[in-house]
Amino acid sequence: MYSTKVKRSYAKHLRRNQTPAERRMRLLWFFGFNAQVVTPSGYVADWYWPAGMLIVELDGSVHDKRADKKRDKHHRAKGIHTVRIKNQLTKWPYLPLAYFKVFLLAFLYEAWRVLKACRL
């Protein structure tokens, strides 16, 4: 396992060299999402919203489904939800749908957390 310092350095490298899909999703930054950060689970995520414990992963051709499932399971154990969006969905005219999916799921996860905390 790599040290936190190495992971942060790698995350910084990824922020400077974003893929076209990651650049198209840059508006998430204005809503409190952080780009390419080391999450509390120890993984580097494409986008992470700490307040809502939500990760947005943009899946391109290099993503390994088996490794993604393992990572998602690890995130769920830490209470972090993962939203996966295919890179094709970040191209126009589908880009608004990608944002809608993220914000809808962010709202639903946050509502679920509040209801769970209130034990309703």
PDB file of N, CA and C in Angstrom:
ATOM      1  N   MET A   1       0.850  -1.188   0.000  1.00  0.00           N
ATOM      2  CA  MET A   1       0.000   0.000   0.000  1.00  0.00           C
ATOM      3  C   MET A   1       0.887   1.240   0.000  1.00  0.00           C
ATOM      4  N   TYR A   2       0.511   2.226  -0.743  1.00  0.00           N
ATOM      5  CA  TYR A   2       1.297   3.448  -0.843  1.00  0.00           C
ATOM      6  C   TYR A   2       1.016   4.381   0.323  1.00  0.00           C
ATOM      7  N   SER A   3       1.994   5.217   0.648  1.00  0.00           N
ATOM      8  CA  SER A   3       1.810   6.170   1.736  1.00  0.00           C
ATOM      9  C   SER A   3       0.871   7.288   1.308  1.00  0.00           C
ATOM     10  N   THR A   4       0.339   7.990   2.288  1.00  0.00           N
ATOM     11  CA  THR A   4      -0.573   9.103   2.002  1.00  0.00           C
ATOM     12  C   THR A   4       0.142  10.187   1.200  1.00  0.00           C
ATOM     13  N   LYS A   5       1.411  10.416   1.485  1.00  0.00           N
ATOM     14  CA  LYS A   5       2.175  11.437   0.767  1.00  0.00           C
ATOM     15  C   LYS A   5       2.288  11.089  -0.722  1.00  0.00           C
ATOM     16  N   VAL A   6       2.536   9.824  -1.019  1.00  0.00           N
ATOM     17  CA  VAL A   6       2.628   9.380  -2.414  1.00  0.00           C
ATOM     18  C   VAL A   6       1.270   9.512  -3.092  1.00  0.00           C
ATOM     19  N   LYS A   7       0.195   9.138  -2.386  1.00  0.00           N
ATOM     20  CA  LYS A   7      -1.151   9.242  -2.959  1.00  0.00           C
ATOM     21  C   LYS A   7      -1.515  10.695  -3.242  1.00  0.00           C
ATOM     22  N   ARG A   8      -1.170  11.590  -2.317  1.00  0.00           N
ATOM     23  CA  ARG A   8      -1.465  13.010  -2.540  1.00  0.00           C
ATOM     24  C   ARG A   8      -0.691  13.551  -3.726  1.00  0.00           C
ATOM     25  N   SER A   9       0.548  13.128  -3.867  1.00  0.00           N
ATOM     26  CA  SER A   9       1.360  13.555  -5.003  1.00  0.00           C
ATOM     27  C   SER A   9       0.748  13.052  -6.316  1.00  0.00           C
ATOM     28  N   TYR A  10       0.281  11.802  -6.302  1.00  0.00           N
ATOM     29  CA  TYR A  10      -0.359  11.228  -7.484  1.00  0.00           C
ATOM     30  C   TYR A  10      -1.659  11.967  -7.800  1.00  0.00           C
ATOM     31  N   ALA A  11      -2.440  12.287  -6.766  1.00  0.00           N
ATOM     32  CA  ALA A  11      -3.693  13.027  -6.960  1.00  0.00           C
ATOM     33  C   ALA A  11      -3.404  14.402  -7.562  1.00  0.00           C
ATOM     34  N   LYS A  12      -2.347  15.038  -7.096  1.00  0.00           N
ATOM     35  CA  LYS A  12      -1.968  16.348  -7.636  1.00  0.00           C
ATOM     36  C   LYS A  12      -1.594  16.231  -9.111  1.00  0.00           C
ATOM     37  N   HIS A  13      -0.868  15.166  -9.458  1.00  0.00           N
ATOM     38  CA  HIS A  13      -0.511  14.914 -10.862  1.00  0.00           C
ATOM     39  C   HIS A  13      -1.773  14.727 -11.707  1.00  0.00           C
ATOM     40  N   LEU A  14      -2.747  13.978 -11.178  1.00  0.00           N
ATOM     41  CA  LEU A  14      -3.993  13.745 -11.916  1.00  0.00           C
ATOM     42  C   LEU A  14      -4.790  15.034 -12.096  1.00  0.00           C
ATOM     43  N   ARG A  15      -4.775  15.902 -11.090  1.00  0.00           N
ATOM     44  CA  ARG A  15      -5.501  17.182 -11.216  1.00  0.00           C
ATOM     45  C   ARG A  15      -4.903  18.032 -12.330  1.00  0.00           C
ATOM     46  N   ARG A  16      -3.599  17.992 -12.461  1.00  0.00           N
ATOM     47  CA  ARG A  16      -2.926  18.789 -13.503  1.00  0.00           C
ATOM     48  C   ARG A  16      -3.087  18.192 -14.889  1.00  0.00           C
ATOM     49  N   ASN A  17      -3.363  16.910 -14.964  1.00  0.00           N
ATOM     50  CA  ASN A  17      -3.464  16.209 -16.249  1.00  0.00           C
ATOM     51  C   ASN A  17      -4.819  15.526 -16.381  1.00  0.00           C
ATOM     52  N   GLN A  18      -5.885  16.313 -16.254  1.00  0.00           N
ATOM     53  CA  GLN A  18      -7.232  15.757 -16.310  1.00  0.00           C
ATOM     54  C   GLN A  18      -7.572  15.271 -17.716  1.00  0.00           C
ATOM     55  N   THR A  19      -8.396  14.229 -17.758  1.00  0.00           N
ATOM     56  CA  THR A  19      -8.905  13.733 -19.032  1.00  0.00           C
ATOM     57  C   THR A  19      -9.957  14.724 -19.537  1.00  0.00           C
ATOM     58  N   PRO A  20     -10.295  14.668 -20.826  1.00  0.00           N
ATOM     59  CA  PRO A  20     -11.350  15.552 -21.338  1.00  0.00           C
ATOM     60  C   PRO A  20     -12.671  15.390 -20.575  1.00  0.00           C
ATOM     61  N   ALA A  21     -13.016  14.165 -20.201  1.00  0.00           N
ATOM     62  CA  ALA A  21     -14.265  13.938 -19.459  1.00  0.00           C
ATOM     63  C   ALA A  21     -14.213  14.615 -18.093  1.00  0.00           C
ATOM     64  N   GLU A  22     -13.078  14.539 -17.420  1.00  0.00           N
ATOM     65  CA  GLU A  22     -12.944  15.187 -16.112  1.00  0.00           C
ATOM     66  C   GLU A  22     -13.021  16.704 -16.238  1.00  0.00           C
ATOM     67  N   ARG A  23     -12.455  17.236 -17.301  1.00  0.00           N
ATOM     68  CA  ARG A  23     -12.531  18.696 -17.511  1.00  0.00           C
ATOM     69  C   ARG A  23     -13.961  19.139 -17.781  1.00  0.00           C
ATOM     70  N   ARG A  24     -14.725  18.309 -18.493  1.00  0.00           N
ATOM     71  CA  ARG A  24     -16.118  18.679 -18.780  1.00  0.00           C
ATOM     72  C   ARG A  24     -16.978  18.676 -17.518  1.00  0.00           C
ATOM     73  N   MET A  25     -16.581  17.907 -16.513  1.00  0.00           N
ATOM     74  CA  MET A  25     -17.345  17.846 -15.266  1.00  0.00           C
ATOM     75  C   MET A  25     -16.835  18.854 -14.242  1.00  0.00           C
ATOM     76  N   ARG A  26     -16.040  19.812 -14.678  1.00  0.00           N
ATOM     77  CA  ARG A  26     -15.392  20.770 -13.783  1.00  0.00           C
ATOM     78  C   ARG A  26     -16.374  21.622 -12.979  1.00  0.00           C
ATOM     79  N   LEU A  27     -17.592  21.788 -13.454  1.00  0.00           N
ATOM     80  CA  LEU A  27     -18.579  22.588 -12.713  1.00  0.00           C
ATOM     81  C   LEU A  27     -18.891  21.992 -11.339  1.00  0.00           C
ATOM     82  N   LEU A  28     -18.595  20.716 -11.145  1.00  0.00           N
ATOM     83  CA  LEU A  28     -18.830  20.107  -9.833  1.00  0.00           C
ATOM     84  C   LEU A  28     -18.038  20.826  -8.748  1.00  0.00           C
ATOM     85  N   TRP A  29     -16.906  21.402  -9.125  1.00  0.00           N
ATOM     86  CA  TRP A  29     -16.073  22.117  -8.164  1.00  0.00           C
ATOM     87  C   TRP A  29     -16.839  23.251  -7.496  1.00  0.00           C
ATOM     88  N   PHE A  30     -17.702  23.934  -8.258  1.00  0.00           N
ATOM     89  CA  PHE A  30     -18.480  25.046  -7.716  1.00  0.00           C
ATOM     90  C   PHE A  30     -19.510  24.593  -6.682  1.00  0.00           C
ATOM     91  N   PHE A  31     -19.832  23.305  -6.685  1.00  0.00           N
ATOM     92  CA  PHE A  31     -20.832  22.784  -5.758  1.00  0.00           C
ATOM     93  C   PHE A  31     -20.200  22.014  -4.601  1.00  0.00           C
ATOM     94  N   GLY A  32     -18.912  22.215  -4.381  1.00  0.00           N
ATOM     95  CA  GLY A  32     -18.256  21.635  -3.217  1.00  0.00           C
ATOM     96  C   GLY A  32     -17.548  20.323  -3.449  1.00  0.00           C
ATOM     97  N   PHE A  33     -17.515  19.847  -4.693  1.00  0.00           N
ATOM     98  CA  PHE A  33     -16.794  18.613  -4.984  1.00  0.00           C
ATOM     99  C   PHE A  33     -15.310  18.933  -5.165  1.00  0.00           C
ATOM    100  N   ASN A  34     -14.454  18.025  -4.736  1.00  0.00           N
ATOM    101  CA  ASN A  34     -13.015  18.183  -4.901  1.00  0.00           C
ATOM    102  C   ASN A  34     -12.534  17.231  -5.983  1.00  0.00           C
ATOM    103  N   ALA A  35     -11.662  17.719  -6.851  1.00  0.00           N
ATOM    104  CA  ALA A  35     -11.164  16.903  -7.962  1.00  0.00           C
ATOM    105  C   ALA A  35      -9.929  16.126  -7.540  1.00  0.00           C
ATOM    106  N   GLN A  36      -9.860  14.877  -7.955  1.00  0.00           N
ATOM    107  CA  GLN A  36      -8.722  13.994  -7.742  1.00  0.00           C
ATOM    108  C   GLN A  36      -8.105  14.153  -6.357  1.00  0.00           C
ATOM    109  N   VAL A  37      -8.804  13.694  -5.364  1.00  0.00           N
ATOM    110  CA  VAL A  37      -8.324  13.773  -3.990  1.00  0.00           C
ATOM    111  C   VAL A  37      -8.234  12.373  -3.395  1.00  0.00           C
ATOM    112  N   VAL A  38      -7.431  12.250  -2.362  1.00  0.00           N
ATOM    113  CA  VAL A  38      -7.374  11.005  -1.610  1.00  0.00           C
ATOM    114  C   VAL A  38      -8.548  11.028  -0.639  1.00  0.00           C
ATOM    115  N   THR A  39      -9.450  10.081  -0.790  1.00  0.00           N
ATOM    116  CA  THR A  39     -10.648  10.027   0.045  1.00  0.00           C
ATOM    117  C   THR A  39     -10.323   9.410   1.405  1.00  0.00           C
ATOM    118  N   PRO A  40     -11.241   9.526   2.369  1.00  0.00           N
ATOM    119  CA  PRO A  40     -11.018   8.895   3.675  1.00  0.00           C
ATOM    120  C   PRO A  40     -10.819   7.380   3.581  1.00  0.00           C
ATOM    121  N   SER A  41     -11.282   6.773   2.500  1.00  0.00           N
ATOM    122  CA  SER A  41     -11.103   5.329   2.329  1.00  0.00           C
ATOM    123  C   SER A  41      -9.701   4.993   1.813  1.00  0.00           C
ATOM    124  N   GLY A  42      -8.923   6.022   1.448  1.00  0.00           N
ATOM    125  CA  GLY A  42      -7.556   5.787   1.008  1.00  0.00           C
ATOM    126  C   GLY A  42      -7.359   5.702  -0.485  1.00  0.00           C
ATOM    127  N   TYR A  43      -8.420   5.838  -1.259  1.00  0.00           N
ATOM    128  CA  TYR A  43      -8.324   5.778  -2.714  1.00  0.00           C
ATOM    129  C   TYR A  43      -8.354   7.186  -3.300  1.00  0.00           C
ATOM    130  N   VAL A  44      -7.807   7.323  -4.510  1.00  0.00           N
ATOM    131  CA  VAL A  44      -7.898   8.593  -5.234  1.00  0.00           C
ATOM    132  C   VAL A  44      -9.162   8.530  -6.075  1.00  0.00           C
ATOM    133  N   ALA A  45     -10.028   9.532  -5.908  1.00  0.00           N
ATOM    134  CA  ALA A  45     -11.297   9.576  -6.633  1.00  0.00           C
ATOM    135  C   ALA A  45     -11.270  10.703  -7.657  1.00  0.00           C
ATOM    136  N   ASP A  46     -12.046  10.542  -8.749  1.00  0.00           N
ATOM    137  CA  ASP A  46     -12.140  11.609  -9.752  1.00  0.00           C
ATOM    138  C   ASP A  46     -12.733  12.863  -9.117  1.00  0.00           C
ATOM    139  N   TRP A  47     -13.872  12.708  -8.444  1.00  0.00           N
ATOM    140  CA  TRP A  47     -14.530  13.825  -7.754  1.00  0.00           C
ATOM    141  C   TRP A  47     -15.040  13.306  -6.420  1.00  0.00           C
ATOM    142  N   TYR A  48     -14.878  14.103  -5.382  1.00  0.00           N
ATOM    143  CA  TYR A  48     -15.314  13.693  -4.044  1.00  0.00           C
ATOM    144  C   TYR A  48     -16.008  14.861  -3.360  1.00  0.00           C
ATOM    145  N   TRP A  49     -17.185  14.585  -2.791  1.00  0.00           N
ATOM    146  CA  TRP A  49     -17.944  15.587  -2.046  1.00  0.00           C
ATOM    147  C   TRP A  49     -17.901  15.176  -0.578  1.00  0.00           C
ATOM    148  N   PRO A  50     -17.028  15.805   0.227  1.00  0.00           N
ATOM    149  CA  PRO A  50     -16.870  15.379   1.614  1.00  0.00           C
ATOM    150  C   PRO A  50     -18.122  15.568   2.471  1.00  0.00           C
ATOM    151  N   ALA A  51     -18.876  16.632   2.248  1.00  0.00           N
ATOM    152  CA  ALA A  51     -20.064  16.892   3.068  1.00  0.00           C
ATOM    153  C   ALA A  51     -21.111  15.799   2.880  1.00  0.00           C
ATOM    154  N   GLY A  52     -21.236  15.293   1.676  1.00  0.00           N
ATOM    155  CA  GLY A  52     -22.235  14.269   1.391  1.00  0.00           C
ATOM    156  C   GLY A  52     -21.675  12.870   1.317  1.00  0.00           C
ATOM    157  N   MET A  53     -20.351  12.729   1.564  1.00  0.00           N
ATOM    158  CA  MET A  53     -19.700  11.419   1.488  1.00  0.00           C
ATOM    159  C   MET A  53     -20.055  10.726   0.168  1.00  0.00           C
ATOM    160  N   LEU A  54     -19.824  11.443  -0.933  1.00  0.00           N
ATOM    161  CA  LEU A  54     -20.191  10.949  -2.257  1.00  0.00           C
ATOM    162  C   LEU A  54     -19.003  11.060  -3.195  1.00  0.00           C
ATOM    163  N   ILE A  55     -18.734   9.996  -3.922  1.00  0.00           N
ATOM    164  CA  ILE A  55     -17.660   9.966  -4.915  1.00  0.00           C
ATOM    165  C   ILE A  55     -18.292   9.876  -6.293  1.00  0.00           C
ATOM    166  N   VAL A  56     -17.774  10.648  -7.240  1.00  0.00           N
ATOM    167  CA  VAL A  56     -18.180  10.560  -8.640  1.00  0.00           C
ATOM    168  C   VAL A  56     -16.989  10.009  -9.408  1.00  0.00           C
ATOM    169  N   GLU A  57     -17.169   8.859 -10.025  1.00  0.00           N
ATOM    170  CA  GLU A  57     -16.120   8.233 -10.830  1.00  0.00           C
ATOM    171  C   GLU A  57     -16.546   8.279 -12.285  1.00  0.00           C
ATOM    172  N   LEU A  58     -15.659   8.756 -13.130  1.00  0.00           N
ATOM    173  CA  LEU A  58     -15.892   8.775 -14.567  1.00  0.00           C
ATOM    174  C   LEU A  58     -15.216   7.547 -15.157  1.00  0.00           C
ATOM    175  N   ASP A  59     -16.009   6.660 -15.720  1.00  0.00           N
ATOM    176  CA  ASP A  59     -15.498   5.382 -16.212  1.00  0.00           C
ATOM    177  C   ASP A  59     -15.207   5.438 -17.694  1.00  0.00           C
ATOM    178  N   GLY A  60     -13.945   5.282 -18.014  1.00  0.00           N
ATOM    179  CA  GLY A  60     -13.519   5.193 -19.407  1.00  0.00           C
ATOM    180  C   GLY A  60     -13.099   3.773 -19.721  1.00  0.00           C
ATOM    181  N   SER A  61     -12.337   3.629 -20.778  1.00  0.00           N
ATOM    182  CA  SER A  61     -11.940   2.293 -21.216  1.00  0.00           C
ATOM    183  C   SER A  61     -10.898   1.658 -20.310  1.00  0.00           C
ATOM    184  N   VAL A  62     -10.204   2.448 -19.493  1.00  0.00           N
ATOM    185  CA  VAL A  62      -9.138   1.894 -18.656  1.00  0.00           C
ATOM    186  C   VAL A  62      -9.633   1.351 -17.326  1.00  0.00           C
ATOM    187  N   HIS A  63     -10.894   1.546 -17.004  1.00  0.00           N
ATOM    188  CA  HIS A  63     -11.408   1.084 -15.713  1.00  0.00           C
ATOM    189  C   HIS A  63     -11.590  -0.430 -15.715  1.00  0.00           C
ATOM    190  N   ASP A  64     -11.096  -1.061 -14.664  1.00  0.00           N
ATOM    191  CA  ASP A  64     -11.217  -2.492 -14.452  1.00  0.00           C
ATOM    192  C   ASP A  64     -12.442  -2.732 -13.573  1.00  0.00           C
ATOM    193  N   LYS A  65     -13.444  -3.397 -14.115  1.00  0.00           N
ATOM    194  CA  LYS A  65     -14.703  -3.582 -13.386  1.00  0.00           C
ATOM    195  C   LYS A  65     -14.509  -4.343 -12.080  1.00  0.00           C
ATOM    196  N   ARG A  66     -13.641  -5.322 -12.072  1.00  0.00           N
ATOM    197  CA  ARG A  66     -13.402  -6.096 -10.851  1.00  0.00           C
ATOM    198  C   ARG A  66     -12.792  -5.211  -9.760  1.00  0.00           C
ATOM    199  N   ALA A  67     -11.805  -4.412 -10.141  1.00  0.00           N
ATOM    200  CA  ALA A  67     -11.170  -3.505  -9.180  1.00  0.00           C
ATOM    201  C   ALA A  67     -12.156  -2.432  -8.727  1.00  0.00           C
ATOM    202  N   ASP A  68     -13.005  -1.956  -9.654  1.00  0.00           N
ATOM    203  CA  ASP A  68     -14.013  -0.949  -9.302  1.00  0.00           C
ATOM    204  C   ASP A  68     -14.999  -1.493  -8.272  1.00  0.00           C
ATOM    205  N   LYS A  69     -15.429  -2.745  -8.445  1.00  0.00           N
ATOM    206  CA  LYS A  69     -16.361  -3.348  -7.477  1.00  0.00           C
ATOM    207  C   LYS A  69     -15.717  -3.467  -6.104  1.00  0.00           C
ATOM    208  N   LYS A  70     -14.449  -3.860  -6.091  1.00  0.00           N
ATOM    209  CA  LYS A  70     -13.724  -3.983  -4.826  1.00  0.00           C
ATOM    210  C   LYS A  70     -13.618  -2.616  -4.142  1.00  0.00           C
ATOM    211  N   ARG A  71     -13.291  -1.592  -4.926  1.00  0.00           N
ATOM    212  CA  ARG A  71     -13.164  -0.236  -4.395  1.00  0.00           C
ATOM    213  C   ARG A  71     -14.504   0.277  -3.885  1.00  0.00           C
ATOM    214  N   ASP A  72     -15.574   0.036  -4.646  1.00  0.00           N
ATOM    215  CA  ASP A  72     -16.908   0.479  -4.231  1.00  0.00           C
ATOM    216  C   ASP A  72     -17.335  -0.199  -2.924  1.00  0.00           C
ATOM    217  N   LYS A  73     -17.019  -1.479  -2.791  1.00  0.00           N
ATOM    218  CA  LYS A  73     -17.341  -2.202  -1.558  1.00  0.00           C
ATOM    219  C   LYS A  73     -16.588  -1.592  -0.377  1.00  0.00           C
ATOM    220  N   HIS A  74     -15.330  -1.256  -0.598  1.00  0.00           N
ATOM    221  CA  HIS A  74     -14.517  -0.631   0.446  1.00  0.00           C
ATOM    222  C   HIS A  74     -15.096   0.733   0.837  1.00  0.00           C
ATOM    223  N   HIS A  75     -15.544   1.496  -0.164  1.00  0.00           N
ATOM    224  CA  HIS A  75     -16.143   2.811   0.095  1.00  0.00           C
ATOM    225  C   HIS A  75     -17.422   2.666   0.902  1.00  0.00           C
ATOM    226  N   ARG A  76     -18.283   1.723   0.498  1.00  0.00           N
ATOM    227  CA  ARG A  76     -19.552   1.517   1.214  1.00  0.00           C
ATOM    228  C   ARG A  76     -19.311   1.161   2.673  1.00  0.00           C
ATOM    229  N   ALA A  77     -18.261   0.382   2.936  1.00  0.00           N
ATOM    230  CA  ALA A  77     -17.940   0.019   4.318  1.00  0.00           C
ATOM    231  C   ALA A  77     -17.566   1.254   5.142  1.00  0.00           C
ATOM    232  N   LYS A  78     -17.063   2.293   4.478  1.00  0.00           N
ATOM    233  CA  LYS A  78     -16.704   3.541   5.153  1.00  0.00           C
ATOM    234  C   LYS A  78     -17.853   4.547   5.140  1.00  0.00           C
ATOM    235  N   GLY A  79     -19.006   4.171   4.548  1.00  0.00           N
ATOM    236  CA  GLY A  79     -20.159   5.067   4.496  1.00  0.00           C
ATOM    237  C   GLY A  79     -20.123   6.048   3.343  1.00  0.00           C
ATOM    238  N   ILE A  80     -19.314   5.753   2.329  1.00  0.00           N
ATOM    239  CA  ILE A  80     -19.176   6.641   1.168  1.00  0.00           C
ATOM    240  C   ILE A  80     -19.870   5.983  -0.024  1.00  0.00           C
ATOM    241  N   HIS A  81     -20.731   6.727  -0.686  1.00  0.00           N
ATOM    242  CA  HIS A  81     -21.433   6.222  -1.872  1.00  0.00           C
ATOM    243  C   HIS A  81     -20.661   6.608  -3.126  1.00  0.00           C
ATOM    244  N   THR A  82     -20.759   5.768  -4.144  1.00  0.00           N
ATOM    245  CA  THR A  82     -20.072   6.018  -5.408  1.00  0.00           C
ATOM    246  C   THR A  82     -21.087   6.114  -6.537  1.00  0.00           C
ATOM    247  N   VAL A  83     -20.956   7.170  -7.338  1.00  0.00           N
ATOM    248  CA  VAL A  83     -21.755   7.338  -8.552  1.00  0.00           C
ATOM    249  C   VAL A  83     -20.812   7.131  -9.721  1.00  0.00           C
ATOM    250  N   ARG A  84     -21.147   6.222 -10.602  1.00  0.00           N
ATOM    251  CA  ARG A  84     -20.308   5.954 -11.773  1.00  0.00           C
ATOM    252  C   ARG A  84     -20.988   6.519 -13.020  1.00  0.00           C
ATOM    253  N   ILE A  85     -20.209   7.254 -13.787  1.00  0.00           N
ATOM    254  CA  ILE A  85     -20.716   7.863 -15.017  1.00  0.00           C
ATOM    255  C   ILE A  85     -19.784   7.470 -16.151  1.00  0.00           C
ATOM    256  N   LYS A  86     -20.344   6.979 -17.220  1.00  0.00           N
ATOM    257  CA  LYS A  86     -19.529   6.621 -18.384  1.00  0.00           C
ATOM    258  C   LYS A  86     -19.040   7.898 -19.067  1.00  0.00           C
ATOM    259  N   ASN A  87     -17.817   7.843 -19.577  1.00  0.00           N
ATOM    260  CA  ASN A  87     -17.234   9.020 -20.230  1.00  0.00           C
ATOM    261  C   ASN A  87     -18.106   9.549 -21.375  1.00  0.00           C
ATOM    262  N   GLN A  88     -18.788   8.653 -22.082  1.00  0.00           N
ATOM    263  CA  GLN A  88     -19.631   9.083 -23.207  1.00  0.00           C
ATOM    264  C   GLN A  88     -20.758  10.006 -22.740  1.00  0.00           C
ATOM    265  N   LEU A  89     -21.177   9.861 -21.493  1.00  0.00           N
ATOM    266  CA  LEU A  89     -22.265  10.684 -20.967  1.00  0.00           C
ATOM    267  C   LEU A  89     -21.806  12.111 -20.672  1.00  0.00           C
ATOM    268  N   THR A  90     -20.494  12.354 -20.682  1.00  0.00           N
ATOM    269  CA  THR A  90     -19.995  13.698 -20.399  1.00  0.00           C
ATOM    270  C   THR A  90     -19.836  14.530 -21.662  1.00  0.00           C
ATOM    271  N   LYS A  91     -20.211  13.975 -22.809  1.00  0.00           N
ATOM    272  CA  LYS A  91     -20.126  14.722 -24.073  1.00  0.00           C
ATOM    273  C   LYS A  91     -21.474  15.366 -24.368  1.00  0.00           C
ATOM    274  N   TRP A  92     -21.411  16.468 -25.077  1.00  0.00           N
ATOM    275  CA  TRP A  92     -22.633  17.149 -25.465  1.00  0.00           C
ATOM    276  C   TRP A  92     -23.365  16.298 -26.463  1.00  0.00           C
ATOM    277  N   PRO A  93     -24.659  16.117 -26.431  1.00  0.00           N
ATOM    278  CA  PRO A  93     -25.704  16.787 -25.669  1.00  0.00           C
ATOM    279  C   PRO A  93     -26.048  16.094 -24.353  1.00  0.00           C
ATOM    280  N   TYR A  94     -25.271  15.078 -23.940  1.00  0.00           N
ATOM    281  CA  TYR A  94     -25.614  14.305 -22.746  1.00  0.00           C
ATOM    282  C   TYR A  94     -25.059  14.896 -21.453  1.00  0.00           C
ATOM    283  N   LEU A  95     -24.178  15.888 -21.537  1.00  0.00           N
ATOM    284  CA  LEU A  95     -23.530  16.448 -20.357  1.00  0.00           C
ATOM    285  C   LEU A  95     -24.520  16.912 -19.282  1.00  0.00           C
ATOM    286  N   PRO A  96     -25.611  17.616 -19.639  1.00  0.00           N
ATOM    287  CA  PRO A  96     -26.578  17.996 -18.587  1.00  0.00           C
ATOM    288  C   PRO A  96     -27.163  16.781 -17.859  1.00  0.00           C
ATOM    289  N   LEU A  97     -27.307  15.654 -18.561  1.00  0.00           N
ATOM    290  CA  LEU A  97     -27.815  14.439 -17.916  1.00  0.00           C
ATOM    291  C   LEU A  97     -26.818  13.912 -16.889  1.00  0.00           C
ATOM    292  N   ALA A  98     -25.536  14.029 -17.189  1.00  0.00           N
ATOM    293  CA  ALA A  98     -24.511  13.587 -16.240  1.00  0.00           C
ATOM    294  C   ALA A  98     -24.584  14.422 -14.968  1.00  0.00           C
ATOM    295  N   TYR A  99     -24.689  15.751 -15.129  1.00  0.00           N
ATOM    296  CA  TYR A  99     -24.817  16.627 -13.960  1.00  0.00           C
ATOM    297  C   TYR A  99     -26.106  16.330 -13.188  1.00  0.00           C
ATOM    298  N   PHE A 100     -27.191  16.110 -13.918  1.00  0.00           N
ATOM    299  CA  PHE A 100     -28.470  15.809 -13.273  1.00  0.00           C
ATOM    300  C   PHE A 100     -28.361  14.523 -12.449  1.00  0.00           C
ATOM    301  N   LYS A 101     -27.726  13.507 -13.015  1.00  0.00           N
ATOM    302  CA  LYS A 101     -27.552  12.239 -12.299  1.00  0.00           C
ATOM    303  C   LYS A 101     -26.771  12.448 -11.007  1.00  0.00           C
ATOM    304  N   VAL A 102     -25.693  13.214 -11.078  1.00  0.00           N
ATOM    305  CA  VAL A 102     -24.869  13.461  -9.887  1.00  0.00           C
ATOM    306  C   VAL A 102     -25.673  14.200  -8.823  1.00  0.00           C
ATOM    307  N   PHE A 103     -26.343  15.284  -9.222  1.00  0.00           N
ATOM    308  CA  PHE A 103     -27.057  16.093  -8.237  1.00  0.00           C
ATOM    309  C   PHE A 103     -28.280  15.372  -7.681  1.00  0.00           C
ATOM    310  N   LEU A 104     -28.971  14.600  -8.502  1.00  0.00           N
ATOM    311  CA  LEU A 104     -30.115  13.843  -8.014  1.00  0.00           C
ATOM    312  C   LEU A 104     -29.658  12.804  -6.990  1.00  0.00           C
ATOM    313  N   LEU A 105     -28.616  12.062  -7.315  1.00  0.00           N
ATOM    314  CA  LEU A 105     -28.127  11.060  -6.378  1.00  0.00           C
ATOM    315  C   LEU A 105     -27.537  11.703  -5.127  1.00  0.00           C
ATOM    316  N   ALA A 106     -26.878  12.841  -5.279  1.00  0.00           N
ATOM    317  CA  ALA A 106     -26.346  13.550  -4.105  1.00  0.00           C
ATOM    318  C   ALA A 106     -27.495  13.946  -3.178  1.00  0.00           C
ATOM    319  N   PHE A 107     -28.571  14.465  -3.762  1.00  0.00           N
ATOM    320  CA  PHE A 107     -29.738  14.848  -2.968  1.00  0.00           C
ATOM    321  C   PHE A 107     -30.345  13.633  -2.276  1.00  0.00           C
ATOM    322  N   LEU A 108     -30.505  12.534  -3.007  1.00  0.00           N
ATOM    323  CA  LEU A 108     -31.114  11.339  -2.430  1.00  0.00           C
ATOM    324  C   LEU A 108     -30.251  10.742  -1.319  1.00  0.00           C
ATOM    325  N   TYR A 109     -28.940  10.689  -1.534  1.00  0.00           N
ATOM    326  CA  TYR A 109     -28.056  10.159  -0.492  1.00  0.00           C
ATOM    327  C   TYR A 109     -28.075  11.050   0.748  1.00  0.00           C
ATOM    328  N   GLU A 110     -28.103  12.357   0.534  1.00  0.00           N
ATOM    329  CA  GLU A 110     -28.141  13.272   1.676  1.00  0.00           C
ATOM    330  C   GLU A 110     -29.458  13.140   2.426  1.00  0.00           C
ATOM    331  N   ALA A 111     -30.571  13.045   1.702  1.00  0.00           N
ATOM    332  CA  ALA A 111     -31.873  12.860   2.344  1.00  0.00           C
ATOM    333  C   ALA A 111     -31.898  11.546   3.122  1.00  0.00           C
ATOM    334  N   TRP A 112     -31.321  10.506   2.544  1.00  0.00           N
ATOM    335  CA  TRP A 112     -31.257   9.210   3.222  1.00  0.00           C
ATOM    336  C   TRP A 112     -30.444   9.309   4.511  1.00  0.00           C
ATOM    337  N   ARG A 113     -29.315  10.023   4.464  1.00  0.00           N
ATOM    338  CA  ARG A 113     -28.486  10.188   5.662  1.00  0.00           C
ATOM    339  C   ARG A 113     -29.230  10.950   6.753  1.00  0.00           C
ATOM    340  N   VAL A 114     -29.974  11.989   6.376  1.00  0.00           N
ATOM    341  CA  VAL A 114     -30.729  12.772   7.346  1.00  0.00           C
ATOM    342  C   VAL A 114     -31.826  11.934   7.972  1.00  0.00           C
ATOM    343  N   LEU A 115     -32.566  11.194   7.149  1.00  0.00           N
ATOM    344  CA  LEU A 115     -33.639  10.339   7.661  1.00  0.00           C
ATOM    345  C   LEU A 115     -33.067   9.254   8.567  1.00  0.00           C
ATOM    346  N   LYS A 116     -31.935   8.704   8.192  1.00  0.00           N
ATOM    347  CA  LYS A 116     -31.300   7.678   9.007  1.00  0.00           C
ATOM    348  C   LYS A 116     -30.869   8.249  10.363  1.00  0.00           C
ATOM    349  N   ALA A 117     -30.354   9.487  10.340  1.00  0.00           N
ATOM    350  CA  ALA A 117     -29.924  10.129  11.578  1.00  0.00           C
ATOM    351  C   ALA A 117     -31.127  10.432  12.483  1.00  0.00           C
ATOM    352  N   CYS A 118     -32.263  10.773  11.866  1.00  0.00           N
ATOM    353  CA  CYS A 118     -33.480  11.055  12.648  1.00  0.00           C
ATOM    354  C   CYS A 118     -34.207   9.785  13.036  1.00  0.00           C
ATOM    355  N   ARG A 119     -33.812   8.660  12.436  1.00  0.00           N
ATOM    356  CA  ARG A 119     -34.417   7.345  12.681  1.00  0.00           C
ATOM    357  C   ARG A 119     -35.905   7.342  12.368  1.00  0.00           C
ATOM    358  N   LEU A 120     -36.240   7.922  11.213  1.00  0.00           N
ATOM    359  CA  LEU A 120     -37.650   7.934  10.785  1.00  0.00           C
ATOM    360  C   LEU A 120     -37.973   6.713   9.980  1.00  0.00           C
TER     361      LEU A 120
END
